Amino acid sequence: MKAGDIVKRIDNWAKCNPWMVDPLTGVSDIEEYGIVIEAPEKTEYKPSIKVLWATLGIMKEHPDDIEILDEAR
């Protein structure tokens, strides 16, 4: 993961509780998209990836809580 990657927040609660997702689409009702603005050289198992979210602003995220949708070239 590196700066410029487009990511989606993973809703771990919905992933573990299938009744929390929309039955027609199979996804959580709330989807959040953002752009990685800073990531450590080596993957760290703690909130260490800075993401600029579309509606939440800048937040540090745990690697398990985000999914890469489009990698920066």
N, C-alpha and C. Protein backbone atom coordinates (compact mmCIF):
# COMPACT_ATOMS: atom_id res chain seq x y z
N MET A 1 0.85 -1.17 0.00
CA MET A 1 0.00 0.00 0.00
C MET A 1 0.89 1.23 0.00
N LYS A 2 0.51 2.23 -0.81
CA LYS A 2 1.32 3.44 -0.89
C LYS A 2 0.43 4.65 -1.12
N ALA A 3 1.02 5.82 -0.97
CA ALA A 3 0.27 7.07 -1.15
C ALA A 3 -0.32 7.11 -2.56
N GLY A 4 -1.57 7.53 -2.64
CA GLY A 4 -2.27 7.64 -3.91
C GLY A 4 -3.22 6.49 -4.19
N ASP A 5 -3.12 5.39 -3.42
CA ASP A 5 -4.04 4.27 -3.61
C ASP A 5 -5.45 4.68 -3.20
N ILE A 6 -6.44 4.25 -3.97
CA ILE A 6 -7.83 4.47 -3.61
C ILE A 6 -8.28 3.27 -2.79
N VAL A 7 -8.88 3.54 -1.64
CA VAL A 7 -9.26 2.48 -0.72
C VAL A 7 -10.72 2.59 -0.30
N LYS A 8 -11.21 1.49 0.23
CA LYS A 8 -12.57 1.42 0.77
C LYS A 8 -12.48 0.92 2.20
N ARG A 9 -13.24 1.52 3.08
CA ARG A 9 -13.25 1.07 4.47
C ARG A 9 -14.05 -0.23 4.56
N ILE A 10 -13.49 -1.20 5.25
CA ILE A 10 -14.16 -2.48 5.47
C ILE A 10 -14.91 -2.40 6.78
N ASP A 11 -16.18 -2.71 6.73
CA ASP A 11 -17.01 -2.71 7.93
C ASP A 11 -16.95 -4.11 8.54
N ASN A 12 -16.03 -4.32 9.50
CA ASN A 12 -15.84 -5.65 10.09
C ASN A 12 -17.08 -6.15 10.81
N TRP A 13 -17.87 -5.26 11.36
CA TRP A 13 -19.10 -5.67 12.03
C TRP A 13 -20.05 -6.30 11.02
N ALA A 14 -20.24 -5.66 9.86
CA ALA A 14 -21.12 -6.20 8.83
C ALA A 14 -20.55 -7.48 8.23
N LYS A 15 -19.22 -7.56 8.11
CA LYS A 15 -18.59 -8.76 7.55
C LYS A 15 -18.87 -9.98 8.43
N CYS A 16 -18.88 -9.79 9.75
CA CYS A 16 -19.09 -10.90 10.68
C CYS A 16 -20.55 -11.12 11.02
N ASN A 17 -21.40 -10.18 10.65
CA ASN A 17 -22.84 -10.27 10.94
C ASN A 17 -23.62 -10.05 9.64
N PRO A 18 -23.89 -11.13 8.88
CA PRO A 18 -24.49 -10.99 7.56
C PRO A 18 -25.83 -10.26 7.56
N TRP A 19 -26.52 -10.22 8.67
CA TRP A 19 -27.80 -9.52 8.71
C TRP A 19 -27.62 -8.00 8.69
N MET A 20 -26.36 -7.51 8.79
CA MET A 20 -26.08 -6.07 8.78
C MET A 20 -25.88 -5.51 7.37
N VAL A 21 -25.98 -6.35 6.34
CA VAL A 21 -25.76 -5.88 4.97
C VAL A 21 -27.08 -5.80 4.20
N ASP A 22 -27.09 -5.05 3.13
CA ASP A 22 -28.24 -4.94 2.26
C ASP A 22 -28.43 -6.28 1.54
N PRO A 23 -29.59 -6.91 1.67
CA PRO A 23 -29.78 -8.24 1.07
C PRO A 23 -29.71 -8.24 -0.47
N LEU A 24 -30.00 -7.12 -1.10
CA LEU A 24 -29.97 -7.06 -2.56
C LEU A 24 -28.56 -6.90 -3.11
N THR A 25 -27.76 -6.06 -2.47
CA THR A 25 -26.41 -5.80 -2.98
C THR A 25 -25.34 -6.61 -2.26
N GLY A 26 -25.61 -7.04 -1.03
CA GLY A 26 -24.64 -7.81 -0.27
C GLY A 26 -23.55 -6.96 0.36
N VAL A 27 -23.74 -5.64 0.41
CA VAL A 27 -22.76 -4.75 1.01
C VAL A 27 -23.39 -3.96 2.14
N SER A 28 -22.53 -3.41 2.97
CA SER A 28 -22.97 -2.59 4.08
C SER A 28 -23.70 -1.36 3.56
N ASP A 29 -24.65 -0.86 4.33
CA ASP A 29 -25.39 0.34 3.95
C ASP A 29 -24.48 1.56 3.84
N ILE A 30 -23.43 1.58 4.64
CA ILE A 30 -22.53 2.73 4.67
C ILE A 30 -21.19 2.31 4.07
N GLU A 31 -20.85 2.91 2.93
CA GLU A 31 -19.55 2.65 2.32
C GLU A 31 -18.76 3.94 2.31
N GLU A 32 -17.51 3.85 2.66
CA GLU A 32 -16.64 5.03 2.74
C GLU A 32 -15.43 4.79 1.85
N TYR A 33 -15.14 5.77 1.00
CA TYR A 33 -14.00 5.69 0.09
C TYR A 33 -13.01 6.79 0.40
N GLY A 34 -11.72 6.51 0.15
CA GLY A 34 -10.70 7.51 0.43
C GLY A 34 -9.43 7.27 -0.36
N ILE A 35 -8.45 8.12 -0.11
CA ILE A 35 -7.14 8.04 -0.77
C ILE A 35 -6.07 7.97 0.30
N VAL A 36 -5.16 7.01 0.16
CA VAL A 36 -4.04 6.89 1.09
C VAL A 36 -3.13 8.10 0.89
N ILE A 37 -2.83 8.80 1.98
CA ILE A 37 -1.94 9.95 1.86
C ILE A 37 -0.57 9.69 2.49
N GLU A 38 -0.50 8.67 3.34
CA GLU A 38 0.77 8.30 3.96
C GLU A 38 0.69 6.86 4.45
N ALA A 39 1.73 6.08 4.12
CA ALA A 39 1.78 4.69 4.57
C ALA A 39 3.23 4.36 4.93
N PRO A 40 3.43 3.55 5.98
CA PRO A 40 4.80 3.19 6.37
C PRO A 40 5.44 2.28 5.32
N GLU A 41 6.77 2.29 5.27
CA GLU A 41 7.51 1.44 4.34
C GLU A 41 7.20 -0.04 4.59
N LYS A 42 7.17 -0.41 5.86
CA LYS A 42 6.91 -1.79 6.26
C LYS A 42 5.53 -1.85 6.90
N THR A 43 4.74 -2.87 6.59
CA THR A 43 3.40 -3.00 7.16
C THR A 43 3.49 -3.17 8.66
N GLU A 44 2.74 -2.35 9.37
CA GLU A 44 2.68 -2.41 10.83
C GLU A 44 1.28 -2.84 11.24
N TYR A 45 1.21 -3.66 12.27
CA TYR A 45 -0.09 -4.17 12.72
C TYR A 45 -0.67 -3.23 13.78
N LYS A 46 -0.95 -2.00 13.36
CA LYS A 46 -1.57 -0.99 14.20
C LYS A 46 -2.10 0.10 13.27
N PRO A 47 -2.94 0.98 13.76
CA PRO A 47 -3.42 2.08 12.90
C PRO A 47 -2.25 2.97 12.47
N SER A 48 -1.75 2.74 11.26
CA SER A 48 -0.54 3.44 10.82
C SER A 48 -0.66 4.01 9.41
N ILE A 49 -1.79 3.80 8.76
CA ILE A 49 -1.97 4.27 7.39
C ILE A 49 -2.89 5.49 7.41
N LYS A 50 -2.38 6.63 6.96
CA LYS A 50 -3.19 7.86 6.93
C LYS A 50 -4.01 7.88 5.65
N VAL A 51 -5.33 8.03 5.84
CA VAL A 51 -6.25 8.04 4.71
C VAL A 51 -7.08 9.32 4.75
N LEU A 52 -7.27 9.94 3.59
CA LEU A 52 -8.18 11.07 3.46
C LEU A 52 -9.50 10.51 2.97
N TRP A 53 -10.49 10.44 3.89
CA TRP A 53 -11.81 9.89 3.56
C TRP A 53 -12.69 10.98 2.96
N ALA A 54 -13.62 10.57 2.12
CA ALA A 54 -14.50 11.50 1.43
C ALA A 54 -15.34 12.33 2.40
N THR A 55 -15.83 11.72 3.48
CA THR A 55 -16.69 12.45 4.40
C THR A 55 -16.13 12.55 5.82
N LEU A 56 -15.13 11.75 6.16
CA LEU A 56 -14.62 11.72 7.53
C LEU A 56 -13.37 12.56 7.74
N GLY A 57 -12.71 12.96 6.66
CA GLY A 57 -11.46 13.71 6.79
C GLY A 57 -10.28 12.76 6.90
N ILE A 58 -9.20 13.23 7.49
CA ILE A 58 -7.97 12.44 7.61
C ILE A 58 -8.02 11.61 8.89
N MET A 59 -7.76 10.30 8.74
CA MET A 59 -7.76 9.39 9.88
C MET A 59 -6.66 8.35 9.68
N LYS A 60 -6.09 7.87 10.80
CA LYS A 60 -5.14 6.76 10.75
C LYS A 60 -5.95 5.47 10.80
N GLU A 61 -5.63 4.56 9.89
CA GLU A 61 -6.39 3.31 9.79
C GLU A 61 -5.50 2.09 9.98
N HIS A 62 -6.10 1.03 10.46
CA HIS A 62 -5.44 -0.26 10.62
C HIS A 62 -5.46 -0.95 9.25
N PRO A 63 -4.39 -1.65 8.87
CA PRO A 63 -4.35 -2.31 7.56
C PRO A 63 -5.51 -3.28 7.31
N ASP A 64 -6.03 -3.91 8.37
CA ASP A 64 -7.14 -4.86 8.21
C ASP A 64 -8.47 -4.17 7.97
N ASP A 65 -8.54 -2.86 8.18
CA ASP A 65 -9.81 -2.14 8.08
C ASP A 65 -10.01 -1.43 6.75
N ILE A 66 -9.05 -1.59 5.83
CA ILE A 66 -9.19 -0.95 4.52
C ILE A 66 -8.83 -1.95 3.41
N GLU A 67 -9.44 -1.73 2.25
CA GLU A 67 -9.20 -2.59 1.10
C GLU A 67 -8.81 -1.71 -0.09
N ILE A 68 -7.76 -2.09 -0.80
CA ILE A 68 -7.32 -1.32 -1.96
C ILE A 68 -8.27 -1.59 -3.14
N LEU A 69 -8.79 -0.51 -3.72
CA LEU A 69 -9.64 -0.63 -4.90
C LEU A 69 -8.86 -0.36 -6.18
N ASP A 70 -7.97 0.63 -6.12
CA ASP A 70 -7.19 1.00 -7.29
C ASP A 70 -5.82 1.47 -6.83
N GLU A 71 -4.77 0.78 -7.29
CA GLU A 71 -3.42 1.15 -6.88
C GLU A 71 -2.89 2.31 -7.71
N ALA A 72 -2.19 3.22 -7.03
CA ALA A 72 -1.54 4.33 -7.72
C ALA A 72 -0.41 3.78 -8.57
N ARG A 73 -0.19 4.36 -9.70
CA ARG A 73 0.86 3.87 -10.61
C ARG A 73 2.17 4.53 -10.32
